[in-house]
């Protein structure tokens, strides 16, 4: 049975996947198939997308990490068979087959995958992020198509895609306003947003480019239609709101054919938009964002603030959503900035000698008390607590 173009356009890069496990005890061969549309006759780009999707699905199914998908894809396309360091998660990668159709390509790969066990205790719980609407750095670029509402639709779409792709990270809350995020503002405003929302991690993003280039055919090629190419770029920052540490700073960029008339007003929340070449390009870019955020946060410890001190008990701003359970032992600390003789500023962690144990936990807070009959002295609201 053939695959229709409409069926392909409804998803990012549709895939049909078969898995072949060859009975190995230490690793397994996984065979996966990916498909991608051929856009504007660019067969090489289509093959790369299909290969990338096949590798990603094989890795995710096997429980391996996915942060090296693009490197693996490029290496495989150059070699057709990629021998990789046996100590890693992928020992061998083969391009088994490629089939070209009128407007799409099918690629099948085979990978010898050795999933590594989680390298940190913090990997066991989901990391929740808070974000805001994504401001448009150049609002005039949104005039063509009237796509200004990407400001609030784009974070919701990323939230949905993160939920579908990752079990380890999630956007738990989107604040309904924009912030003029740049590097300086991220470092100054993210901790404030974290305190307001009781969140540990802040995702700040700015849509930096949605410019559109239309190419009008010459009078000698009057039978050709106008072509339009639109950019999509965004700066993404991930900050630990507890200590203000900048964990991720990256620019993402893509471009795709713009399928809409110059006088159309586009509903950017519609399936028509997200099923277009441009919408699917943004979705593929979002996949890379999700992978990078997960890789950045997977081993970050759950950290919260002390909300209140009552006798020998504390209320803290982390709970079940952060992987906290009754009986867990937590570490208390405070931070301060110190300046060395050369004028360099460092963040100093001052640990309290007493450990505390979780007595009860709600979704986003917990009650803890000191272990072994110790005393909670000098503990103040806004001190920190962490599960490590």
Protein backbone atom coordinates (compact mmCIF):
# COMPACT_ATOMS: atom_id res chain seq x y z
CA UNK A 1 0.00 0.00 0.00
CA UNK A 2 1.41 3.44 -0.94
CA UNK A 3 1.74 6.35 1.44
CA UNK A 4 -0.07 9.55 0.51
CA UNK A 5 1.53 12.95 0.74
CA UNK A 6 -1.32 14.01 3.03
CA UNK A 7 -0.49 11.17 5.42
CA UNK A 8 3.14 12.21 5.54
CA UNK A 9 2.31 15.86 6.15
CA UNK A 10 0.25 15.11 9.26
CA UNK A 11 3.37 14.11 11.20
CA UNK A 12 6.94 15.28 11.67
CA UNK A 13 8.63 12.67 9.50
CA UNK A 14 6.39 9.66 9.46
CA UNK A 15 8.03 6.36 10.32
CA UNK A 16 7.25 2.71 10.17
CA UNK A 17 9.48 0.78 12.51
CA UNK A 18 10.40 -2.89 12.73
CA UNK A 19 12.70 -4.17 15.48
CA UNK A 20 15.02 -7.15 15.16
CA UNK A 21 16.61 -8.45 18.36
CA UNK A 22 19.28 -11.02 17.64
CA UNK A 23 19.50 -12.66 21.04
CA UNK A 24 22.61 -10.94 22.31
CA UNK A 25 23.06 -10.63 26.04
CA UNK A 26 25.05 -7.41 26.10
CA UNK A 27 23.54 -5.54 23.16
CA UNK A 28 20.84 -5.90 20.54
CA UNK A 29 20.44 -5.10 16.88
CA UNK A 30 17.62 -2.69 16.29
CA UNK A 31 16.30 -2.12 12.80
CA UNK A 32 14.21 1.00 12.19
CA UNK A 33 12.69 2.74 9.20
CA UNK A 34 12.16 6.46 8.69
CA UNK A 35 10.48 8.49 5.95
CA UNK A 36 10.60 12.15 4.92
CA UNK A 37 9.10 14.30 2.18
CA UNK A 38 11.32 15.60 -0.62
CA UNK A 39 10.99 19.38 -0.35
CA UNK A 40 11.83 21.53 -3.37
CA UNK A 41 13.65 18.62 -5.00
CA UNK A 42 16.30 18.43 -2.25
CA UNK A 43 16.86 14.65 -2.11
CA UNK A 44 19.94 14.89 0.11
CA UNK A 45 18.08 16.82 2.82
CA UNK A 46 15.16 14.37 2.66
CA UNK A 47 17.49 11.39 3.05
CA UNK A 48 19.19 13.06 6.02
CA UNK A 49 15.84 13.70 7.75
CA UNK A 50 14.64 10.14 7.14
CA UNK A 51 17.94 8.67 8.39
CA UNK A 52 17.91 10.92 11.47
CA UNK A 53 14.36 9.87 12.33
CA UNK A 54 15.19 6.17 11.96
CA UNK A 55 18.26 6.47 14.21
CA UNK A 56 16.33 8.50 16.80
CA UNK A 57 13.51 5.97 16.99
CA UNK A 58 15.90 3.02 17.34
CA UNK A 59 17.79 4.77 20.15
CA UNK A 60 14.64 5.82 22.00
CA UNK A 61 13.11 2.35 21.76
CA UNK A 62 16.31 0.78 23.07
CA UNK A 63 16.40 3.18 26.02
CA UNK A 64 19.60 4.86 24.86
CA UNK A 65 20.33 8.59 24.88
CA UNK A 66 19.58 10.58 21.75
CA UNK A 67 21.85 13.61 21.99
CA UNK A 68 24.24 12.36 19.27
CA UNK A 69 21.64 11.67 16.57
CA UNK A 70 22.88 14.34 14.17
CA UNK A 71 26.52 13.24 14.51
CA UNK A 72 25.56 9.62 13.88
CA UNK A 73 23.41 10.61 10.91
CA UNK A 74 26.18 12.59 9.23
CA UNK A 75 28.73 9.83 9.85
CA UNK A 76 26.44 7.14 8.46
CA UNK A 77 25.59 9.11 5.33
CA UNK A 78 29.30 9.48 4.61
CA UNK A 79 30.26 5.87 5.30
CA UNK A 80 27.09 3.75 4.85
CA UNK A 81 28.46 1.79 7.80
CA UNK A 82 29.75 3.49 10.90
CA UNK A 83 32.03 1.74 13.37
CA UNK A 84 31.81 3.43 16.75
CA UNK A 85 33.75 3.11 19.97
CA UNK A 86 32.52 -0.10 21.58
CA UNK A 87 32.41 1.57 24.99
CA UNK A 88 29.59 3.83 23.84
CA UNK A 89 25.91 3.14 23.40
CA UNK A 90 26.06 2.43 19.66
CA UNK A 91 28.64 -0.14 18.62
CA UNK A 92 27.78 -0.36 14.92
CA UNK A 93 25.40 1.47 12.59
CA UNK A 94 24.46 0.40 9.07
CA UNK A 95 22.45 1.97 6.28
CA UNK A 96 20.47 -1.08 5.14
CA UNK A 97 18.25 0.28 2.41
CA UNK A 98 16.87 3.44 0.82
CA UNK A 99 13.87 3.63 -1.48
CA UNK A 100 12.88 6.68 -3.48
CA UNK A 101 9.28 7.47 -4.34
CA UNK A 102 7.72 10.36 -6.24
CA UNK A 103 7.74 12.79 -3.32
CA UNK A 104 9.25 10.98 -0.34
CA UNK A 105 12.11 8.68 0.60
CA UNK A 106 12.21 5.65 2.88
CA UNK A 107 15.45 4.80 4.72
CA UNK A 108 16.09 1.69 6.82
CA UNK A 109 18.98 1.47 9.30
CA UNK A 110 20.30 -1.21 11.64
CA UNK A 111 22.08 -0.37 14.88
CA UNK A 112 23.91 -2.42 17.49
CA UNK A 113 22.84 -0.60 20.65
CA UNK A 114 24.11 -1.08 24.18
CA UNK A 115 21.96 1.14 26.41
CA UNK A 116 23.85 2.45 29.40
CA UNK A 117 22.30 2.46 32.83
CA UNK A 118 21.46 5.84 34.27
CA UNK A 119 24.67 7.52 35.37
CA UNK A 120 23.09 9.48 38.20
CA UNK A 121 20.47 9.05 40.88
CA UNK A 122 18.70 12.23 39.74
CA UNK A 123 17.75 10.58 36.44
CA UNK A 124 14.88 8.77 38.14
CA UNK A 125 12.59 11.79 38.51
CA UNK A 126 11.06 14.17 35.98
CA UNK A 127 12.40 17.71 35.71
CA UNK A 128 9.62 20.29 35.47
CA UNK A 129 10.24 23.65 33.83
CA UNK A 130 8.40 26.94 33.85
CA UNK A 131 8.42 29.22 30.84
CA UNK A 132 6.65 32.33 29.54
CA UNK A 133 5.29 33.31 26.15
CA UNK A 134 8.08 33.48 23.56
CA UNK A 135 8.52 37.12 22.44
CA UNK A 136 9.14 37.95 18.78
CA UNK A 137 12.39 39.88 18.54
CA UNK A 138 11.23 41.51 15.28
CA UNK A 139 7.44 41.72 15.25
CA UNK A 140 7.36 43.33 11.81
CA UNK A 141 8.61 40.01 10.36
CA UNK A 142 5.30 38.42 11.38
CA UNK A 143 3.25 40.72 9.14
CA UNK A 144 3.25 38.31 6.19
CA UNK A 145 0.66 35.75 7.29
CA UNK A 146 -0.18 37.69 10.47
CA UNK A 147 1.60 35.10 12.62
CA UNK A 148 2.07 37.34 15.67
CA UNK A 149 0.26 34.83 17.89
CA UNK A 150 3.25 32.48 17.62
CA UNK A 151 4.22 34.31 20.81
CA UNK A 152 1.75 32.26 22.86
CA UNK A 153 1.18 29.27 20.53
CA UNK A 154 4.87 28.36 20.18
CA UNK A 155 5.43 27.55 23.90
CA UNK A 156 2.23 25.48 24.04
CA UNK A 157 3.37 23.50 21.01
CA UNK A 158 6.78 22.91 22.61
CA UNK A 159 5.03 21.83 25.81
CA UNK A 160 2.97 19.25 23.89
CA UNK A 161 5.96 17.98 21.96
CA UNK A 162 8.08 17.67 25.09
CA UNK A 163 5.29 15.68 26.74
CA UNK A 164 5.13 13.32 23.76
CA UNK A 165 8.89 12.85 23.35
CA UNK A 166 10.31 12.78 26.87
CA UNK A 167 9.55 11.03 30.14
CA UNK A 168 12.26 12.99 31.95
CA UNK A 169 11.48 16.66 31.30
CA UNK A 170 8.23 18.58 31.04
CA UNK A 171 7.02 22.17 30.83
CA UNK A 172 4.73 22.22 33.82
CA UNK A 173 3.63 25.84 33.55
CA UNK A 174 3.52 28.64 30.97
CA UNK A 175 3.24 32.12 32.45
CA UNK A 176 0.81 34.18 30.27
CA UNK A 177 3.11 37.09 29.51
CA UNK A 178 6.32 37.82 27.64
CA UNK A 179 9.69 38.73 29.10
CA UNK A 180 12.41 40.48 27.10
CA UNK A 181 14.80 37.60 27.53
CA UNK A 182 18.39 38.23 26.63
CA UNK A 183 21.42 36.81 28.36
CA UNK A 184 21.58 39.56 30.99
CA UNK A 185 17.84 39.43 31.70
CA UNK A 186 17.85 35.65 31.89
CA UNK A 187 20.42 35.66 34.66
CA UNK A 188 18.68 38.46 36.58
CA UNK A 189 15.01 37.56 36.08
CA UNK A 190 14.95 33.77 36.01
CA UNK A 191 15.58 33.35 39.77
CA UNK A 192 12.73 35.79 40.49
CA UNK A 193 10.38 33.81 38.24
CA UNK A 194 11.51 30.60 39.93
CA UNK A 195 10.63 31.98 43.37
CA UNK A 196 7.22 33.21 42.17
CA UNK A 197 6.29 29.85 40.66
CA UNK A 198 8.19 27.56 43.08
CA UNK A 199 10.00 26.13 40.07
CA UNK A 200 13.56 24.94 39.97
CA UNK A 201 14.17 25.22 36.24
CA UNK A 202 13.27 28.11 33.94
CA UNK A 203 13.15 27.79 30.16
CA UNK A 204 13.49 31.21 28.52
CA UNK A 205 13.11 31.53 24.76
CA UNK A 206 13.02 34.32 22.19
CA UNK A 207 11.90 33.85 18.58
CA UNK A 208 14.65 35.78 16.82
CA UNK A 209 13.79 35.30 13.13
CA UNK A 210 10.59 34.59 11.16
CA UNK A 211 11.64 36.54 8.07
CA UNK A 212 10.22 35.60 4.67
CA UNK A 213 11.87 35.76 1.25
CA UNK A 214 9.64 35.61 -1.82
CA UNK A 215 11.20 34.86 -5.22
CA UNK A 216 9.19 36.09 -8.19
CA UNK A 217 9.97 34.19 -11.41
CA UNK A 218 11.33 36.19 -14.32
CA UNK A 219 9.14 37.12 -17.25
CA UNK A 220 10.89 34.40 -19.26
CA UNK A 221 9.57 31.79 -16.83
CA UNK A 222 6.05 33.17 -16.55
CA UNK A 223 4.56 29.69 -16.07
CA UNK A 224 6.33 29.23 -12.73
CA UNK A 225 4.65 30.21 -9.49
CA UNK A 226 6.14 32.46 -6.84
CA UNK A 227 8.37 30.68 -4.33
CA UNK A 228 8.61 31.68 -0.67
CA UNK A 229 11.13 30.57 1.95
CA UNK A 230 10.66 31.42 5.62
CA UNK A 231 13.15 31.33 8.48
CA UNK A 232 12.53 30.23 12.03
CA UNK A 233 15.16 30.85 14.69
CA UNK A 234 15.01 30.99 18.46
CA UNK A 235 17.39 31.51 21.36
CA UNK A 236 16.81 29.05 24.21
CA UNK A 237 18.14 29.38 27.75
CA UNK A 238 17.68 26.92 30.63
CA UNK A 239 18.45 28.28 34.09
CA UNK A 240 18.54 26.65 37.49
CA UNK A 241 16.34 29.17 39.28
CA UNK A 242 17.62 28.11 42.68
CA UNK A 243 21.16 29.36 42.15
CA UNK A 244 20.92 31.34 38.90
CA UNK A 245 23.23 28.98 37.03
CA UNK A 246 22.89 29.10 33.24
CA UNK A 247 22.71 25.44 32.22
CA UNK A 248 21.94 25.74 28.51
CA UNK A 249 22.29 28.58 26.01
CA UNK A 250 21.75 27.76 22.34
CA UNK A 251 20.41 29.22 19.12
CA UNK A 252 18.25 26.97 16.94
CA UNK A 253 17.59 27.73 13.30
CA UNK A 254 15.69 26.19 10.41
CA UNK A 255 13.97 27.28 7.22
CA UNK A 256 11.25 25.82 5.04
CA UNK A 257 8.95 26.52 2.16
CA UNK A 258 6.11 28.91 3.03
CA UNK A 259 2.98 27.39 1.50
CA UNK A 260 0.61 30.30 2.02
CA UNK A 261 -0.55 33.23 -0.08
CA UNK A 262 0.94 36.62 0.75
CA UNK A 263 -2.50 38.00 1.69
CA UNK A 264 -3.58 35.06 3.86
CA UNK A 265 -4.08 35.42 7.61
CA UNK A 266 -2.80 32.21 9.16
CA UNK A 267 -4.16 30.54 12.29
CA UNK A 268 -0.87 29.33 13.80
CA UNK A 269 -2.73 27.08 16.24
CA UNK A 270 -4.36 25.11 13.41
CA UNK A 271 -3.48 21.69 11.99
CA UNK A 272 -3.13 23.39 8.60
CA UNK A 273 -0.22 25.47 9.88
CA UNK A 274 1.54 22.68 11.81
CA UNK A 275 0.99 20.28 8.91
CA UNK A 276 2.64 22.67 6.45
CA UNK A 277 6.30 22.43 5.49
CA UNK A 278 7.07 25.38 7.75
CA UNK A 279 5.16 23.98 10.72
CA UNK A 280 6.86 20.61 10.37
CA UNK A 281 10.27 22.28 10.21
CA UNK A 282 9.55 24.00 13.54
CA UNK A 283 8.45 20.66 15.01
CA UNK A 284 11.72 19.04 13.92
CA UNK A 285 13.61 21.94 15.50
CA UNK A 286 11.59 21.42 18.70
CA UNK A 287 12.69 17.79 18.75
CA UNK A 288 16.29 18.97 18.99
CA UNK A 289 15.33 21.41 21.75
CA UNK A 290 13.70 18.62 23.77
CA UNK A 291 16.74 16.37 23.35
CA UNK A 292 19.13 19.12 24.47
CA UNK A 293 17.00 20.11 27.47
CA UNK A 294 16.69 16.48 28.58
CA UNK A 295 20.42 15.88 28.21
CA UNK A 296 21.13 19.08 30.17
CA UNK A 297 18.78 18.36 33.08
CA UNK A 298 18.77 14.58 33.46
CA UNK A 299 21.44 14.54 36.18
CA UNK A 300 20.56 17.82 37.88
CA UNK A 301 19.57 17.20 41.52
CA UNK A 302 16.14 18.22 42.78
CA UNK A 303 16.64 21.54 44.57
CA UNK A 304 14.13 23.71 46.42
CA UNK A 305 13.92 26.50 48.95
CA UNK A 306 12.97 26.54 52.60
CA UNK A 307 9.51 28.12 52.79
CA UNK A 308 8.95 28.13 56.55
CA UNK A 309 10.60 27.02 59.79
CA UNK A 310 8.31 25.69 62.52
CA UNK A 311 10.07 24.24 65.55
CA UNK A 312 11.97 21.19 64.37
CA UNK A 313 10.20 20.98 61.00
CA UNK A 314 10.63 22.77 57.69
CA UNK A 315 8.32 23.34 54.76
CA UNK A 316 10.26 23.11 51.47
CA UNK A 317 9.33 23.89 47.87
CA UNK A 318 9.92 20.47 46.33
CA UNK A 319 7.53 17.54 46.41
CA UNK A 320 6.31 14.50 44.55
CA UNK A 321 6.59 16.19 41.16
CA UNK A 322 10.33 16.49 41.81
CA UNK A 323 10.73 12.84 42.82
CA UNK A 324 10.51 13.52 46.57
CA UNK A 325 8.97 10.76 48.70
CA UNK A 326 8.47 10.27 52.48
CA UNK A 327 11.65 8.82 53.96
CA UNK A 328 14.00 10.58 51.53
CA UNK A 329 17.03 12.23 53.12
CA UNK A 330 17.81 15.77 51.98
CA UNK A 331 20.74 18.15 52.36
CA UNK A 332 20.36 21.73 53.61
CA UNK A 333 22.68 24.50 52.45
CA UNK A 334 22.96 28.20 51.74
CA UNK A 335 24.98 29.99 49.10
CA UNK A 336 27.06 33.14 49.11
CA UNK A 337 29.25 34.96 46.63
CA UNK A 338 32.94 35.22 47.42
CA UNK A 339 35.60 37.23 45.61
CA UNK A 340 39.14 35.90 45.30
CA UNK A 341 42.27 38.12 45.42
CA UNK A 342 42.17 38.41 41.60
CA UNK A 343 38.65 39.85 41.71
CA UNK A 344 36.94 36.72 40.36
CA UNK A 345 33.49 36.01 41.84
CA UNK A 346 32.55 32.45 42.84
CA UNK A 347 29.43 30.86 44.29
CA UNK A 348 30.21 29.21 47.62
CA UNK A 349 28.03 26.42 49.02
CA UNK A 350 27.75 26.26 52.81
CA UNK A 351 26.31 22.94 53.96
CA UNK A 352 24.47 22.54 57.24
CA UNK A 353 25.74 19.57 59.25
CA UNK A 354 22.23 18.30 60.00
CA UNK A 355 20.42 16.08 57.52
CA UNK A 356 16.64 16.20 57.21
CA UNK A 357 14.17 13.48 56.30
CA UNK A 358 10.91 13.89 54.38
CA UNK A 359 7.89 13.32 56.66
CA UNK A 360 5.17 14.03 54.08
CA UNK A 361 5.08 15.26 50.49
CA UNK A 362 2.46 16.95 48.34
CA UNK A 363 2.82 17.67 44.62
CA UNK A 364 5.08 20.72 44.94
CA UNK A 365 6.08 20.90 48.61
CA UNK A 366 7.11 18.70 51.50
CA UNK A 367 7.49 18.68 55.27
CA UNK A 368 10.90 17.63 56.56
CA UNK A 369 12.40 17.21 60.01
CA UNK A 370 15.91 16.74 61.30
CA UNK A 371 17.18 13.17 61.62
CA UNK A 372 18.68 11.55 64.71
CA UNK A 373 17.13 14.04 67.12
CA UNK A 374 19.31 16.93 65.94
CA UNK A 375 18.38 20.59 66.08
CA UNK A 376 17.58 22.98 63.24
CA UNK A 377 19.62 26.03 64.15
CA UNK A 378 20.28 29.05 61.96
CA UNK A 379 18.02 27.74 59.16
CA UNK A 380 16.25 30.60 57.39
CA UNK A 381 13.50 30.82 54.75
CA UNK A 382 15.03 30.90 51.26
CA UNK A 383 17.91 28.63 52.29
CA UNK A 384 18.20 25.64 49.97
CA UNK A 385 17.39 21.94 50.22
CA UNK A 386 18.49 19.30 47.73
CA UNK A 387 18.07 15.62 47.01
CA UNK A 388 21.39 14.30 45.74
